[in-house]
Amino acid sequence: MLILLLDESDARLLKWIEESGISVLIADNFAVEAFQETSKENLSRFPGLPIHRRCLVELGIHLGELWHLTHLNNWLKTHGRSRFLLTAPPLRLPGSFGSPMTSVATV
């Protein structure tokens, strides 16, 4: 299994996110990136979360957390593939955020 640690201090990573054309960034961990900040005031302004700031605020890229990606990863490796179509409609809860999804990867 490939484990990729997103180094949010890597300017090349932030540039790749911007230039890659991705519309969603998903991860199997909490918060997509590591963070040390615990104060509500600081978290609300995203200073310790540069990937969140770049994706959500500056680029409008959605983030997905706590995804179970093992089966998809294994299938892609077995078939020599690296791309797939992801559909992930959220629950319709007007005025809310952080909804659970019913996601489907079409390969």
Protein backbone atom coordinates (compact mmCIF):
# COMPACT_ATOMS: atom_id res chain seq x y z
CA MET A 1 0.00 0.00 0.00
CA LEU A 2 1.32 3.43 -0.91
CA ILE A 3 1.36 5.90 1.95
CA LEU A 4 1.76 9.48 0.86
CA LEU A 5 2.32 12.16 3.46
CA LEU A 6 1.26 15.56 2.20
CA ASP A 7 3.92 18.03 3.26
CA GLU A 8 1.90 21.21 3.44
CA SER A 9 5.08 23.29 3.69
CA ASP A 10 6.20 22.08 0.24
CA ALA A 11 5.57 24.93 -2.19
CA ARG A 12 5.84 22.47 -5.12
CA LEU A 13 2.93 20.46 -3.73
CA LEU A 14 0.75 23.55 -3.37
CA LYS A 15 1.67 24.58 -6.93
CA TRP A 16 0.86 21.08 -8.24
CA ILE A 17 -2.56 21.18 -6.56
CA GLU A 18 -3.23 24.51 -8.26
CA GLU A 19 -2.05 23.45 -11.72
CA SER A 20 -3.23 19.82 -11.82
CA GLY A 21 -6.88 20.52 -12.55
CA ILE A 22 -8.14 18.28 -9.74
CA SER A 23 -11.59 19.06 -8.37
CA VAL A 24 -11.41 16.94 -5.20
CA LEU A 25 -8.61 15.86 -2.89
CA ILE A 26 -9.46 12.85 -0.74
CA ALA A 27 -7.47 11.14 1.99
CA ASP A 28 -7.87 8.26 4.40
CA ASN A 29 -6.85 10.33 7.40
CA PHE A 30 -8.53 13.04 9.42
CA ALA A 31 -8.12 16.58 8.06
CA VAL A 32 -6.21 15.57 4.87
CA GLU A 33 -3.08 17.27 6.24
CA ALA A 34 -1.40 17.18 9.63
CA PHE A 35 -1.96 20.14 11.88
CA GLN A 36 -0.75 21.21 15.29
CA GLU A 37 -2.99 24.19 15.93
CA THR A 38 -5.78 23.62 18.46
CA SER A 39 -7.20 27.08 19.16
CA LYS A 40 -10.59 27.70 17.52
CA GLU A 41 -9.55 31.24 16.60
CA ASN A 42 -6.50 30.04 14.66
CA LEU A 43 -8.26 27.11 12.98
CA SER A 44 -11.02 29.36 11.70
CA ARG A 45 -8.48 31.40 9.73
CA PHE A 46 -6.60 28.33 8.35
CA PRO A 47 -3.06 29.47 9.30
CA GLY A 48 -1.89 25.98 10.23
CA LEU A 49 -3.72 24.33 7.36
CA PRO A 50 -2.16 25.56 4.11
CA ILE A 51 -3.67 22.77 1.98
CA HIS A 52 -7.12 23.60 3.35
CA ARG A 53 -6.57 27.29 2.65
CA ARG A 54 -5.28 26.67 -0.89
CA CYS A 55 -7.99 24.13 -1.78
CA LEU A 56 -11.12 25.39 -0.04
CA VAL A 57 -10.61 29.13 0.11
CA GLU A 58 -8.44 29.97 -2.88
CA LEU A 59 -9.27 27.27 -5.47
CA GLY A 60 -12.69 25.88 -4.51
CA ILE A 61 -11.37 22.30 -4.44
CA HIS A 62 -13.37 19.99 -2.20
CA LEU A 63 -11.61 17.93 0.48
CA GLY A 64 -12.67 14.45 1.57
CA GLU A 65 -11.50 12.97 4.83
CA LEU A 66 -11.54 9.49 6.38
CA TRP A 67 -12.06 7.58 3.12
CA HIS A 68 -11.40 3.84 3.00
CA LEU A 69 -9.25 3.66 -0.13
CA THR A 70 -7.60 0.23 0.18
CA HIS A 71 -9.92 -1.66 -2.20
CA LEU A 72 -9.74 1.07 -4.84
CA ASN A 73 -5.95 1.30 -4.51
CA ASN A 74 -5.57 -2.46 -4.89
CA TRP A 75 -7.81 -2.58 -7.97
CA LEU A 76 -5.99 0.30 -9.65
CA LYS A 77 -2.58 -1.29 -8.99
CA THR A 78 -3.72 -4.70 -10.24
CA HIS A 79 -5.03 -3.23 -13.49
CA GLY A 80 -2.21 -0.72 -14.06
CA ARG A 81 -4.57 2.23 -13.76
CA SER A 82 -4.24 5.52 -11.94
CA ARG A 83 -7.42 7.41 -12.88
CA PHE A 84 -11.08 6.93 -12.13
CA LEU A 85 -14.33 8.87 -12.05
CA LEU A 86 -15.52 9.74 -8.57
CA THR A 87 -19.13 10.60 -7.85
CA ALA A 88 -19.88 11.56 -4.27
CA PRO A 89 -23.24 13.23 -3.74
CA PRO A 90 -23.65 14.62 -0.23
CA LEU A 91 -26.79 14.31 1.82
CA ARG A 92 -29.19 17.14 1.07
CA LEU A 93 -29.04 19.13 4.29
CA PRO A 94 -29.56 22.84 3.45
CA GLY A 95 -27.40 25.16 5.53
CA SER A 96 -25.06 22.43 6.76
CA PHE A 97 -21.55 21.34 5.87
CA GLY A 98 -19.34 18.28 6.29
CA SER A 99 -22.01 15.86 5.09
CA PRO A 100 -21.45 12.10 4.78
CA MET A 101 -21.47 10.92 1.16
CA THR A 102 -22.45 7.92 -0.86
CA SER A 103 -19.38 7.78 -3.05
CA VAL A 104 -18.80 5.58 -6.08
CA ALA A 105 -15.51 5.18 -7.97
CA THR A 106 -16.09 4.20 -11.60
CA VAL A 107 -13.00 2.58 -13.11
